[in-house]
């Protein structure tokens, strides 16, 4: 059907769509927390990301010491860890790139831009990347009939997110696992909860090779064909949503579908302030 901007549409009716994501989980070094927070949001957030072509939304989120203590992962320790140790990673930056424009942004602009910024002395040496990876969008499930589209999620002003890294068991791909979750587990999780969006992502092809060319170590590996990352967007206190999400991840494991590599809640940062900086350790 042709695009009809004069008609009220739903989540699928508008042409701007997210196609890929940059997720960067980082720790500032102790003693540099405030400097890092200000450098990132006042320089790098814009100069290294937002001013680039086809990147149309971004957001920053923070894990306080309390939220780090509420993380969980598979107890058997099998499979590659996302955060090592499990409480590594205080700040996560998340960015949407327009569908079909992955190469134009990341290959043609972002990688040369980051190299140029570092060459001009605009990097930040006192930080450690815990898990910085590019992902392809697989889909989104919604709680409501007329929801905030995932394409608008970073601009909507959600209070918190929970990031969940899953590794499918057996020979399931991330897409296979998502199909199982959409059928058997996600509807019950979302119904009546504070979670409005459950978005799904898989590592972009070639991520392991690309990271070798970066000017700094980027942390843990992206994961294989069975790696699925879900970002849950919610209003209210993110801590209140964790029991249901823990039950969800436990049920997924009990069904033999996947193992949790990391489940991590975050608050939204308060832009322009140093809120939470003194609470991350």
C-alpha atoms as a PDB file:
ATOM      1  CA  UNK A   1       0.000   0.000   0.000  1.00  0.00           C
ATOM      2  CA  UNK A   2       1.267   3.479  -0.877  1.00  0.00           C
ATOM      3  CA  UNK A   3       2.410   5.734   1.940  1.00  0.00           C
ATOM      4  CA  UNK A   4      -0.426   8.006   3.086  1.00  0.00           C
ATOM      5  CA  UNK A   5       0.953  10.692   5.443  1.00  0.00           C
ATOM      6  CA  UNK A   6      -2.477  12.337   5.790  1.00  0.00           C
ATOM      7  CA  UNK A   7      -3.880   9.193   7.376  1.00  0.00           C
ATOM      8  CA  UNK A   8      -3.190   8.179  10.988  1.00  0.00           C
ATOM      9  CA  UNK A   9      -0.818   5.209  10.866  1.00  0.00           C
ATOM     10  CA  UNK A  10       0.557   2.587  13.203  1.00  0.00           C
ATOM     11  CA  UNK A  11       4.015   1.194  13.866  1.00  0.00           C
ATOM     12  CA  UNK A  12       4.448  -0.219  10.348  1.00  0.00           C
ATOM     13  CA  UNK A  13       3.067   2.670   8.324  1.00  0.00           C
ATOM     14  CA  UNK A  14       5.929   5.174   8.239  1.00  0.00           C
ATOM     15  CA  UNK A  15       9.077   4.940   6.084  1.00  0.00           C
ATOM     16  CA  UNK A  16      11.802   5.771   8.633  1.00  0.00           C
ATOM     17  CA  UNK A  17      12.845   2.453  10.202  1.00  0.00           C
ATOM     18  CA  UNK A  18      15.740   1.397  12.394  1.00  0.00           C
ATOM     19  CA  UNK A  19      17.925  -1.174  10.690  1.00  0.00           C
ATOM     20  CA  UNK A  20      20.971  -1.429  12.908  1.00  0.00           C
ATOM     21  CA  UNK A  21      22.232  -0.421  16.328  1.00  0.00           C
ATOM     22  CA  UNK A  22      25.468   0.560  17.974  1.00  0.00           C
ATOM     23  CA  UNK A  23      25.542  -0.599  21.588  1.00  0.00           C
ATOM     24  CA  UNK A  24      28.586   0.428  23.601  1.00  0.00           C
ATOM     25  CA  UNK A  25      28.952  -0.691  27.240  1.00  0.00           C
ATOM     26  CA  UNK A  26      31.821   1.128  28.939  1.00  0.00           C
ATOM     27  CA  UNK A  27      33.444   1.753  32.323  1.00  0.00           C
ATOM     28  CA  UNK A  28      35.286   4.975  33.120  1.00  0.00           C
ATOM     29  CA  UNK A  29      38.428   4.406  35.149  1.00  0.00           C
ATOM     30  CA  UNK A  30      38.190   5.241  38.823  1.00  0.00           C
ATOM     31  CA  UNK A  31      38.839   8.893  39.481  1.00  0.00           C
ATOM     32  CA  UNK A  32      37.757   9.896  35.965  1.00  0.00           C
ATOM     33  CA  UNK A  33      34.018   9.276  36.280  1.00  0.00           C
ATOM     34  CA  UNK A  34      32.887  12.898  36.063  1.00  0.00           C
ATOM     35  CA  UNK A  35      35.344  13.776  33.308  1.00  0.00           C
ATOM     36  CA  UNK A  36      34.201  10.752  31.308  1.00  0.00           C
ATOM     37  CA  UNK A  37      30.521  11.552  31.702  1.00  0.00           C
ATOM     38  CA  UNK A  38      31.021  15.112  30.510  1.00  0.00           C
ATOM     39  CA  UNK A  39      33.381  14.189  27.659  1.00  0.00           C
ATOM     40  CA  UNK A  40      31.007  11.558  26.371  1.00  0.00           C
ATOM     41  CA  UNK A  41      27.758  13.505  26.456  1.00  0.00           C
ATOM     42  CA  UNK A  42      29.217  16.911  25.533  1.00  0.00           C
ATOM     43  CA  UNK A  43      31.645  15.784  22.821  1.00  0.00           C
ATOM     44  CA  UNK A  44      31.745  12.149  21.755  1.00  0.00           C
ATOM     45  CA  UNK A  45      27.993  11.501  21.769  1.00  0.00           C
ATOM     46  CA  UNK A  46      27.665  14.144  19.096  1.00  0.00           C
ATOM     47  CA  UNK A  47      31.071  14.248  17.388  1.00  0.00           C
ATOM     48  CA  UNK A  48      31.453  10.474  17.196  1.00  0.00           C
ATOM     49  CA  UNK A  49      27.846   9.486  16.571  1.00  0.00           C
ATOM     50  CA  UNK A  50      24.941  11.905  16.268  1.00  0.00           C
ATOM     51  CA  UNK A  51      26.359  14.177  13.565  1.00  0.00           C
ATOM     52  CA  UNK A  52      26.957  11.206  11.272  1.00  0.00           C
ATOM     53  CA  UNK A  53      24.751  10.418   8.273  1.00  0.00           C
ATOM     54  CA  UNK A  54      21.722   8.147   8.743  1.00  0.00           C
ATOM     55  CA  UNK A  55      22.138   7.850  12.540  1.00  0.00           C
ATOM     56  CA  UNK A  56      18.827   9.307  13.661  1.00  0.00           C
ATOM     57  CA  UNK A  57      18.534   8.650  17.416  1.00  0.00           C
ATOM     58  CA  UNK A  58      20.714   8.047  20.454  1.00  0.00           C
ATOM     59  CA  UNK A  59      20.459   7.669  24.221  1.00  0.00           C
ATOM     60  CA  UNK A  60      22.621   7.004  27.273  1.00  0.00           C
ATOM     61  CA  UNK A  61      21.863   4.788  30.259  1.00  0.00           C
ATOM     62  CA  UNK A  62      23.663   4.148  33.532  1.00  0.00           C
ATOM     63  CA  UNK A  63      23.994   1.256  35.968  1.00  0.00           C
ATOM     64  CA  UNK A  64      24.477   2.318  39.577  1.00  0.00           C
ATOM     65  CA  UNK A  65      26.105  -0.029  42.083  1.00  0.00           C
ATOM     66  CA  UNK A  66      22.616  -1.108  43.162  1.00  0.00           C
ATOM     67  CA  UNK A  67      21.569  -1.983  39.620  1.00  0.00           C
ATOM     68  CA  UNK A  68      24.798  -3.870  38.955  1.00  0.00           C
ATOM     69  CA  UNK A  69      24.094  -6.007  42.002  1.00  0.00           C
ATOM     70  CA  UNK A  70      20.750  -6.961  40.454  1.00  0.00           C
ATOM     71  CA  UNK A  71      22.249  -8.404  37.268  1.00  0.00           C
ATOM     72  CA  UNK A  72      22.162 -12.115  36.531  1.00  0.00           C
ATOM     73  CA  UNK A  73      23.576 -14.683  34.094  1.00  0.00           C
ATOM     74  CA  UNK A  74      23.516 -18.436  33.632  1.00  0.00           C
ATOM     75  CA  UNK A  75      24.981 -19.994  36.779  1.00  0.00           C
ATOM     76  CA  UNK A  76      26.876 -22.754  34.950  1.00  0.00           C
ATOM     77  CA  UNK A  77      29.116 -20.171  33.315  1.00  0.00           C
ATOM     78  CA  UNK A  78      28.913 -21.983  29.988  1.00  0.00           C
ATOM     79  CA  UNK A  79      29.512 -19.879  26.897  1.00  0.00           C
ATOM     80  CA  UNK A  80      31.199 -16.524  26.374  1.00  0.00           C
ATOM     81  CA  UNK A  81      30.558 -13.816  28.961  1.00  0.00           C
ATOM     82  CA  UNK A  82      29.301 -10.396  27.893  1.00  0.00           C
ATOM     83  CA  UNK A  83      30.727  -8.574  30.919  1.00  0.00           C
ATOM     84  CA  UNK A  84      33.839  -9.800  32.700  1.00  0.00           C
ATOM     85  CA  UNK A  85      33.379  -9.579  35.638  1.00  0.00           C
ATOM     86  CA  UNK A  86      29.598  -9.602  35.584  1.00  0.00           C
ATOM     87  CA  UNK A  87      29.281  -6.116  37.092  1.00  0.00           C
ATOM     88  CA  UNK A  88      31.534  -4.468  34.506  1.00  0.00           C
ATOM     89  CA  UNK A  89      29.989  -1.724  32.426  1.00  0.00           C
ATOM     90  CA  UNK A  90      28.539   1.402  34.033  1.00  0.00           C
ATOM     91  CA  UNK A  91      27.334   3.342  31.013  1.00  0.00           C
ATOM     92  CA  UNK A  92      25.689   2.096  27.845  1.00  0.00           C
ATOM     93  CA  UNK A  93      25.197   4.231  24.756  1.00  0.00           C
ATOM     94  CA  UNK A  94      22.600   3.063  22.225  1.00  0.00           C
ATOM     95  CA  UNK A  95      22.109   4.464  18.726  1.00  0.00           C
ATOM     96  CA  UNK A  96      19.713   3.747  15.851  1.00  0.00           C
ATOM     97  CA  UNK A  97      20.842   3.772  12.204  1.00  0.00           C
ATOM     98  CA  UNK A  98      18.318   3.902   9.400  1.00  0.00           C
ATOM     99  CA  UNK A  99      17.432   0.642   7.693  1.00  0.00           C
ATOM    100  CA  UNK A 100      19.518   0.021   4.591  1.00  0.00           C
ATOM    101  CA  UNK A 101      22.165   2.589   5.595  1.00  0.00           C
ATOM    102  CA  UNK A 102      24.503   0.462   7.739  1.00  0.00           C
ATOM    103  CA  UNK A 103      27.484   0.718   5.375  1.00  0.00           C
ATOM    104  CA  UNK A 104      26.998   4.412   4.683  1.00  0.00           C
ATOM    105  CA  UNK A 105      27.113   5.247   8.363  1.00  0.00           C
ATOM    106  CA  UNK A 106      29.517   2.770   9.948  1.00  0.00           C
ATOM    107  CA  UNK A 107      31.938   1.923   7.141  1.00  0.00           C
ATOM    108  CA  UNK A 108      31.964   5.166   5.188  1.00  0.00           C
ATOM    109  CA  UNK A 109      31.643   7.674   8.040  1.00  0.00           C
ATOM    110  CA  UNK A 110      31.864   6.379  11.630  1.00  0.00           C
ATOM    111  CA  UNK A 111      35.113   4.436  11.509  1.00  0.00           C
ATOM    112  CA  UNK A 112      37.077   7.194   9.723  1.00  0.00           C
ATOM    113  CA  UNK A 113      35.469   9.777  12.021  1.00  0.00           C
ATOM    114  CA  UNK A 114      36.534   8.000  15.215  1.00  0.00           C
ATOM    115  CA  UNK A 115      40.082   7.655  13.888  1.00  0.00           C
ATOM    116  CA  UNK A 116      40.116  11.375  13.069  1.00  0.00           C
ATOM    117  CA  UNK A 117      38.806  12.332  16.518  1.00  0.00           C
ATOM    118  CA  UNK A 118      41.481  10.262  18.238  1.00  0.00           C
ATOM    119  CA  UNK A 119      44.094  11.770  15.947  1.00  0.00           C
ATOM    120  CA  UNK A 120      42.950  15.248  17.022  1.00  0.00           C
ATOM    121  CA  UNK A 121      43.231  14.397  20.720  1.00  0.00           C
ATOM    122  CA  UNK A 122      39.476  14.024  21.250  1.00  0.00           C
ATOM    123  CA  UNK A 123      39.559  10.452  22.573  1.00  0.00           C
ATOM    124  CA  UNK A 124      39.354   9.446  26.232  1.00  0.00           C
ATOM    125  CA  UNK A 125      42.105   7.085  27.346  1.00  0.00           C
ATOM    126  CA  UNK A 126      40.765   6.538  30.884  1.00  0.00           C
ATOM    127  CA  UNK A 127      37.930   4.196  29.962  1.00  0.00           C
ATOM    128  CA  UNK A 128      37.471   0.508  29.176  1.00  0.00           C
ATOM    129  CA  UNK A 129      35.085  -0.906  26.611  1.00  0.00           C
ATOM    130  CA  UNK A 130      33.252  -3.869  28.104  1.00  0.00           C
ATOM    131  CA  UNK A 131      31.083  -4.764  25.114  1.00  0.00           C
ATOM    132  CA  UNK A 132      30.872  -2.554  22.033  1.00  0.00           C
ATOM    133  CA  UNK A 133      29.095  -4.199  19.103  1.00  0.00           C
ATOM    134  CA  UNK A 134      26.987  -3.378  16.046  1.00  0.00           C
ATOM    135  CA  UNK A 135      23.670  -5.218  15.776  1.00  0.00           C
ATOM    136  CA  UNK A 136      21.007  -5.767  13.124  1.00  0.00           C
ATOM    137  CA  UNK A 137      17.373  -5.240  14.055  1.00  0.00           C
ATOM    138  CA  UNK A 138      15.277  -8.419  14.001  1.00  0.00           C
ATOM    139  CA  UNK A 139      11.964  -7.036  15.222  1.00  0.00           C
ATOM    140  CA  UNK A 140       9.965  -5.680  18.141  1.00  0.00           C
ATOM    141  CA  UNK A 141       7.061  -6.891  20.262  1.00  0.00           C
ATOM    142  CA  UNK A 142       4.716  -4.434  21.959  1.00  0.00           C
ATOM    143  CA  UNK A 143       2.520  -4.434  25.030  1.00  0.00           C
ATOM    144  CA  UNK A 144      -0.082  -2.057  23.619  1.00  0.00           C
ATOM    145  CA  UNK A 145      -2.237  -2.071  20.507  1.00  0.00           C
ATOM    146  CA  UNK A 146      -1.108   1.403  19.424  1.00  0.00           C
ATOM    147  CA  UNK A 147       2.392   1.595  20.911  1.00  0.00           C
ATOM    148  CA  UNK A 148       5.389   3.861  20.690  1.00  0.00           C
ATOM    149  CA  UNK A 149       7.253   2.415  17.678  1.00  0.00           C
ATOM    150  CA  UNK A 150      10.713   1.063  18.424  1.00  0.00           C
ATOM    151  CA  UNK A 151      12.025   3.636  15.947  1.00  0.00           C
ATOM    152  CA  UNK A 152      10.995   6.350  18.451  1.00  0.00           C
ATOM    153  CA  UNK A 153      12.022   4.485  21.605  1.00  0.00           C
ATOM    154  CA  UNK A 154      15.275   6.369  22.218  1.00  0.00           C
ATOM    155  CA  UNK A 155      13.502   9.728  21.983  1.00  0.00           C
ATOM    156  CA  UNK A 156      10.355   8.820  23.933  1.00  0.00           C
ATOM    157  CA  UNK A 157      11.859   9.304  27.386  1.00  0.00           C
ATOM    158  CA  UNK A 158      11.573   5.852  28.895  1.00  0.00           C
ATOM    159  CA  UNK A 159      12.714   5.706  32.501  1.00  0.00           C
ATOM    160  CA  UNK A 160      14.749   2.537  32.205  1.00  0.00           C
ATOM    161  CA  UNK A 161      15.820  -0.369  30.078  1.00  0.00           C
ATOM    162  CA  UNK A 162      16.858  -3.939  30.684  1.00  0.00           C
ATOM    163  CA  UNK A 163      19.363  -5.450  28.243  1.00  0.00           C
ATOM    164  CA  UNK A 164      19.247  -9.232  27.952  1.00  0.00           C
ATOM    165  CA  UNK A 165      21.882 -11.237  26.086  1.00  0.00           C
ATOM    166  CA  UNK A 166      20.778 -14.776  25.180  1.00  0.00           C
ATOM    167  CA  UNK A 167      22.622 -17.594  23.416  1.00  0.00           C
ATOM    168  CA  UNK A 168      20.336 -20.052  21.675  1.00  0.00           C
ATOM    169  CA  UNK A 169      20.888 -23.726  22.394  1.00  0.00           C
ATOM    170  CA  UNK A 170      21.528 -26.293  19.706  1.00  0.00           C
ATOM    171  CA  UNK A 171      21.617 -25.057  16.144  1.00  0.00           C
ATOM    172  CA  UNK A 172      19.005 -22.301  16.549  1.00  0.00           C
ATOM    173  CA  UNK A 173      19.859 -18.951  15.048  1.00  0.00           C
ATOM    174  CA  UNK A 174      18.917 -15.699  16.747  1.00  0.00           C
ATOM    175  CA  UNK A 175      15.929 -15.430  14.394  1.00  0.00           C
ATOM    176  CA  UNK A 176      14.819 -18.967  15.274  1.00  0.00           C
ATOM    177  CA  UNK A 177      15.053 -18.184  18.969  1.00  0.00           C
ATOM    178  CA  UNK A 178      13.088 -14.957  18.540  1.00  0.00           C
ATOM    179  CA  UNK A 179      10.303 -16.857  16.772  1.00  0.00           C
ATOM    180  CA  UNK A 180      10.110 -19.251  19.745  1.00  0.00           C
ATOM    181  CA  UNK A 181      10.022 -16.382  22.217  1.00  0.00           C
ATOM    182  CA  UNK A 182       7.366 -14.468  20.300  1.00  0.00           C
ATOM    183  CA  UNK A 183       5.166 -17.538  20.259  1.00  0.00           C
ATOM    184  CA  UNK A 184       5.631 -18.966  23.735  1.00  0.00           C
ATOM    185  CA  UNK A 185       7.089 -16.422  26.167  1.00  0.00           C
ATOM    186  CA  UNK A 186       7.014 -12.727  25.215  1.00  0.00           C
ATOM    187  CA  UNK A 187       3.226 -12.198  25.156  1.00  0.00           C
ATOM    188  CA  UNK A 188       2.884 -13.303  28.777  1.00  0.00           C
ATOM    189  CA  UNK A 189       5.842 -11.159  29.856  1.00  0.00           C
ATOM    190  CA  UNK A 190       4.474  -7.994  28.249  1.00  0.00           C
ATOM    191  CA  UNK A 191       0.814  -8.316  29.185  1.00  0.00           C
ATOM    192  CA  UNK A 192      -0.038  -5.962  32.018  1.00  0.00           C
ATOM    193  CA  UNK A 193       3.617  -5.126  32.717  1.00  0.00           C
ATOM    194  CA  UNK A 194       5.526  -1.834  32.766  1.00  0.00           C
ATOM    195  CA  UNK A 195       7.500  -3.040  29.720  1.00  0.00           C
ATOM    196  CA  UNK A 196       6.163  -1.408  26.567  1.00  0.00           C
ATOM    197  CA  UNK A 197       8.690  -2.581  23.954  1.00  0.00           C
ATOM    198  CA  UNK A 198      10.761  -5.728  23.623  1.00  0.00           C
ATOM    199  CA  UNK A 199      13.162  -5.127  20.743  1.00  0.00           C
ATOM    200  CA  UNK A 200      15.373  -7.867  19.300  1.00  0.00           C
ATOM    201  CA  UNK A 201      18.845  -7.720  17.750  1.00  0.00           C
ATOM    202  CA  UNK A 202      21.588  -9.971  16.390  1.00  0.00           C
ATOM    203  CA  UNK A 203      25.276  -9.111  15.833  1.00  0.00           C
ATOM    204  CA  UNK A 204      25.899  -7.607  12.397  1.00  0.00           C
ATOM    205  CA  UNK A 205      27.828  -9.822   9.969  1.00  0.00           C
ATOM    206  CA  UNK A 206      31.597  -9.410  10.109  1.00  0.00           C
ATOM    207  CA  UNK A 207      31.681  -7.787  13.550  1.00  0.00           C
ATOM    208  CA  UNK A 208      34.539  -9.960  14.847  1.00  0.00           C
ATOM    209  CA  UNK A 209      36.752  -9.070  11.871  1.00  0.00           C
ATOM    210  CA  UNK A 210      35.919  -5.362  11.936  1.00  0.00           C
ATOM    211  CA  UNK A 211      36.824  -4.906  15.604  1.00  0.00           C
ATOM    212  CA  UNK A 212      40.448  -5.817  14.869  1.00  0.00           C
ATOM    213  CA  UNK A 213      40.780  -2.550  12.919  1.00  0.00           C
ATOM    214  CA  UNK A 214      39.564  -0.251  15.707  1.00  0.00           C
ATOM    215  CA  UNK A 215      41.867   2.190  17.568  1.00  0.00           C
ATOM    216  CA  UNK A 216      41.052   0.642  20.979  1.00  0.00           C
ATOM    217  CA  UNK A 217      39.995  -2.762  22.387  1.00  0.00           C
ATOM    218  CA  UNK A 218      36.210  -3.121  22.215  1.00  0.00           C
ATOM    219  CA  UNK A 219      35.672  -5.706  24.944  1.00  0.00           C
ATOM    220  CA  UNK A 220      33.915  -9.050  24.704  1.00  0.00           C
ATOM    221  CA  UNK A 221      33.162 -10.682  21.365  1.00  0.00           C
ATOM    222  CA  UNK A 222      29.834 -10.095  19.593  1.00  0.00           C
ATOM    223  CA  UNK A 223      28.627 -13.693  19.886  1.00  0.00           C
ATOM    224  CA  UNK A 224      27.792 -16.302  17.281  1.00  0.00           C
ATOM    225  CA  UNK A 225      24.811 -16.992  15.054  1.00  0.00           C
ATOM    226  CA  UNK A 226      22.666 -17.858  18.065  1.00  0.00           C
ATOM    227  CA  UNK A 227      23.282 -14.616  19.971  1.00  0.00           C
ATOM    228  CA  UNK A 228      20.088 -12.647  20.537  1.00  0.00           C
ATOM    229  CA  UNK A 229      19.996  -9.340  22.402  1.00  0.00           C
ATOM    230  CA  UNK A 230      16.708  -8.007  23.684  1.00  0.00           C
ATOM    231  CA  UNK A 231      16.239  -4.432  24.862  1.00  0.00           C
ATOM    232  CA  UNK A 232      13.192  -3.903  27.058  1.00  0.00           C
ATOM    233  CA  UNK A 233      11.947  -0.302  27.321  1.00  0.00           C
ATOM    234  CA  UNK A 234       9.779   0.654  30.271  1.00  0.00           C
ATOM    235  CA  UNK A 235       8.250   3.410  32.349  1.00  0.00           C
ATOM    236  CA  UNK A 236       8.501   3.449  36.113  1.00  0.00           C
ATOM    237  CA  UNK A 237      11.213   1.998  38.320  1.00  0.00           C
ATOM    238  CA  UNK A 238      13.255  -0.519  36.348  1.00  0.00           C
ATOM    239  CA  UNK A 239      13.841  -2.512  39.531  1.00  0.00           C
ATOM    240  CA  UNK A 240      10.144  -3.356  39.732  1.00  0.00           C
ATOM    241  CA  UNK A 241      10.286  -5.129  36.358  1.00  0.00           C
ATOM    242  CA  UNK A 242      13.165  -7.447  37.259  1.00  0.00           C
ATOM    243  CA  UNK A 243      11.261 -10.294  38.972  1.00  0.00           C
ATOM    244  CA  UNK A 244       9.120 -10.831  35.859  1.00  0.00           C
ATOM    245  CA  UNK A 245      12.144 -10.631  33.592  1.00  0.00           C
ATOM    246  CA  UNK A 246      14.046 -13.102  35.765  1.00  0.00           C
ATOM    247  CA  UNK A 247      11.097 -15.489  35.556  1.00  0.00           C
ATOM    248  CA  UNK A 248      11.065 -14.984  31.777  1.00  0.00           C
ATOM    249  CA  UNK A 249      14.759 -15.790  31.335  1.00  0.00           C
ATOM    250  CA  UNK A 250      14.456 -18.776  33.686  1.00  0.00           C
ATOM    251  CA  UNK A 251      11.510 -20.092  31.676  1.00  0.00           C
ATOM    252  CA  UNK A 252      13.436 -19.703  28.428  1.00  0.00           C
ATOM    253  CA  UNK A 253      16.284 -21.769  29.905  1.00  0.00           C
ATOM    254  CA  UNK A 254      13.925 -24.368  31.371  1.00  0.00           C
ATOM    255  CA  UNK A 255      12.312 -24.798  27.961  1.00  0.00           C
ATOM    256  CA  UNK A 256      15.733 -25.625  26.513  1.00  0.00           C
ATOM    257  CA  UNK A 257      15.748 -22.591  24.235  1.00  0.00           C
ATOM    258  CA  UNK A 258      18.631 -20.390  25.388  1.00  0.00           C
ATOM    259  CA  UNK A 259      21.037 -19.437  28.164  1.00  0.00           C
ATOM    260  CA  UNK A 260      21.284 -15.974  29.666  1.00  0.00           C
ATOM    261  CA  UNK A 261      24.729 -14.486  29.228  1.00  0.00           C
ATOM    262  CA  UNK A 262      23.800 -11.217  30.941  1.00  0.00           C
ATOM    263  CA  UNK A 263      20.659  -9.449  32.124  1.00  0.00           C
ATOM    264  CA  UNK A 264      21.403  -5.837  33.072  1.00  0.00           C
ATOM    265  CA  UNK A 265      19.059  -3.003  34.141  1.00  0.00           C
ATOM    266  CA  UNK A 266      19.864   0.675  33.560  1.00  0.00           C
ATOM    267  CA  UNK A 267      18.454   4.069  34.453  1.00  0.00           C
ATOM    268  CA  UNK A 268      18.265   6.809  31.837  1.00  0.00           C
ATOM    269  CA  UNK A 269      21.000   9.394  32.372  1.00  0.00           C
ATOM    270  CA  UNK A 270      19.990  12.960  33.196  1.00  0.00           C
ATOM    271  CA  UNK A 271      21.499  14.845  30.276  1.00  0.00           C
ATOM    272  CA  UNK A 272      23.629  17.846  31.152  1.00  0.00           C
ATOM    273  CA  UNK A 273      24.178  16.747  34.758  1.00  0.00           C
ATOM    274  CA  UNK A 274      26.464  14.450  36.728  1.00  0.00           C
ATOM    275  CA  UNK A 275      23.532  12.553  38.274  1.00  0.00           C
ATOM    276  CA  UNK A 276      24.518   8.967  39.191  1.00  0.00           C
ATOM    277  CA  UNK A 277      28.267   9.577  38.609  1.00  0.00           C
ATOM    278  CA  UNK A 278      29.030   9.058  42.309  1.00  0.00           C
ATOM    279  CA  UNK A 279      26.887   5.899  42.517  1.00  0.00           C
ATOM    280  CA  UNK A 280      28.421   3.571  39.919  1.00  0.00           C
ATOM    281  CA  UNK A 281      30.940   1.802  42.202  1.00  0.00           C
END
